[in-house]
């Protein structure tokens, strides 16, 4: 009886030792880089045009990382690659490709 229990325990241990441990790879975030398609573009603190929410200027071919869109799809929340500033830009002035 003892021998059969020992064989059973050995079998279970062997099975668990032979099963590879599943380690899922971390999710890779898709980073979408976009460029300014206008001469000069304001970056804003909120997705609207008001006289007091302009926080800086962007220039043609500046590279941005798209973070997300507003509900309407008219505004994009971005991070400027050269200085890491974040803010809102009018989506009609950005493009996925930078053509000079």
Protein backbone atom coordinates (compact mmCIF):
# COMPACT_ATOMS: atom_id res chain seq x y z
CA UNK A 1 0.00 0.00 0.00
CA UNK A 2 2.84 2.37 0.87
CA UNK A 3 4.52 1.68 -2.48
CA UNK A 4 1.38 2.58 -4.46
CA UNK A 5 1.02 5.89 -2.58
CA UNK A 6 4.67 6.68 -3.18
CA UNK A 7 4.32 5.94 -6.91
CA UNK A 8 1.21 8.11 -7.06
CA UNK A 9 3.03 11.03 -5.35
CA UNK A 10 6.06 10.59 -7.64
CA UNK A 11 3.78 10.63 -10.69
CA UNK A 12 2.05 13.83 -9.58
CA UNK A 13 5.38 15.52 -8.85
CA UNK A 14 6.75 14.53 -12.25
CA UNK A 15 3.67 15.87 -14.02
CA UNK A 16 3.88 19.21 -12.24
CA UNK A 17 7.59 19.49 -12.86
CA UNK A 18 7.17 18.77 -16.57
CA UNK A 19 4.31 21.24 -17.13
CA UNK A 20 5.79 24.51 -18.33
CA UNK A 21 4.91 27.52 -16.29
CA UNK A 22 2.80 29.89 -18.39
CA UNK A 23 4.09 33.44 -18.21
CA UNK A 24 2.16 35.76 -20.50
CA UNK A 25 4.15 38.47 -22.19
CA UNK A 26 3.33 41.99 -21.05
CA UNK A 27 0.96 43.79 -23.39
CA UNK A 28 2.78 45.96 -25.88
CA UNK A 29 1.21 49.38 -26.06
CA UNK A 30 0.85 50.66 -29.58
CA UNK A 31 2.40 54.11 -29.74
CA UNK A 32 1.06 56.25 -32.53
CA UNK A 33 3.37 59.05 -33.52
CA UNK A 34 1.83 61.94 -35.41
CA UNK A 35 3.12 65.18 -36.92
CA UNK A 36 1.80 68.69 -37.17
CA UNK A 37 0.38 69.44 -40.61
CA UNK A 38 0.10 73.22 -40.18
CA UNK A 39 2.56 76.08 -39.99
CA UNK A 40 1.87 76.76 -36.31
CA UNK A 41 -0.58 75.03 -34.01
CA UNK A 42 -1.61 75.86 -30.47
CA UNK A 43 -1.43 73.17 -27.81
CA UNK A 44 -4.20 73.70 -25.27
CA UNK A 45 -5.03 72.75 -21.69
CA UNK A 46 -8.56 71.64 -22.66
CA UNK A 47 -10.25 70.44 -25.88
CA UNK A 48 -11.83 73.77 -26.80
CA UNK A 49 -10.85 77.12 -28.23
CA UNK A 50 -10.80 79.80 -25.55
CA UNK A 51 -8.49 82.75 -25.10
CA UNK A 52 -6.98 81.43 -21.85
CA UNK A 53 -6.27 77.76 -22.53
CA UNK A 54 -3.37 78.17 -24.98
CA UNK A 55 -0.30 76.61 -23.30
CA UNK A 56 2.19 76.69 -26.16
CA UNK A 57 2.91 76.59 -29.87
CA UNK A 58 3.78 73.64 -32.08
CA UNK A 59 5.37 73.90 -35.51
CA UNK A 60 5.10 71.99 -38.75
CA UNK A 61 6.76 68.56 -38.53
CA UNK A 62 6.91 68.57 -34.71
CA UNK A 63 6.49 64.97 -33.59
CA UNK A 64 3.80 64.05 -31.09
CA UNK A 65 2.64 60.87 -29.39
CA UNK A 66 -1.12 60.42 -29.61
CA UNK A 67 -2.53 59.53 -26.18
CA UNK A 68 -6.27 59.59 -26.87
CA UNK A 69 -9.14 61.37 -28.62
CA UNK A 70 -11.96 63.36 -27.10
CA UNK A 71 -15.54 62.05 -27.43
CA UNK A 72 -16.17 63.99 -30.64
CA UNK A 73 -12.94 62.97 -32.37
CA UNK A 74 -12.18 66.63 -33.12
CA UNK A 75 -9.45 66.94 -30.47
CA UNK A 76 -6.42 64.79 -29.71
CA UNK A 77 -4.60 64.62 -26.38
CA UNK A 78 -0.90 64.38 -27.20
CA UNK A 79 2.59 64.42 -25.72
CA UNK A 80 5.21 66.49 -27.53
CA UNK A 81 8.29 64.31 -28.14
CA UNK A 82 10.91 67.06 -27.86
CA UNK A 83 9.83 68.41 -24.43
CA UNK A 84 7.24 65.90 -23.11
CA UNK A 85 4.59 68.62 -22.70
CA UNK A 86 1.04 67.24 -22.84
CA UNK A 87 -2.08 68.97 -24.06
CA UNK A 88 -4.89 69.08 -26.60
CA UNK A 89 -4.55 69.86 -30.31
CA UNK A 90 -7.15 70.21 -33.04
CA UNK A 91 -7.14 66.81 -34.75
CA UNK A 92 -7.57 68.16 -38.27
CA UNK A 93 -4.00 69.55 -38.11
CA UNK A 94 -2.19 66.32 -37.30
CA UNK A 95 -1.17 63.48 -39.61
CA UNK A 96 0.24 60.02 -39.03
CA UNK A 97 3.00 60.52 -41.57
CA UNK A 98 5.51 63.34 -41.63
CA UNK A 99 6.01 64.41 -45.24
CA UNK A 100 8.48 67.20 -45.88
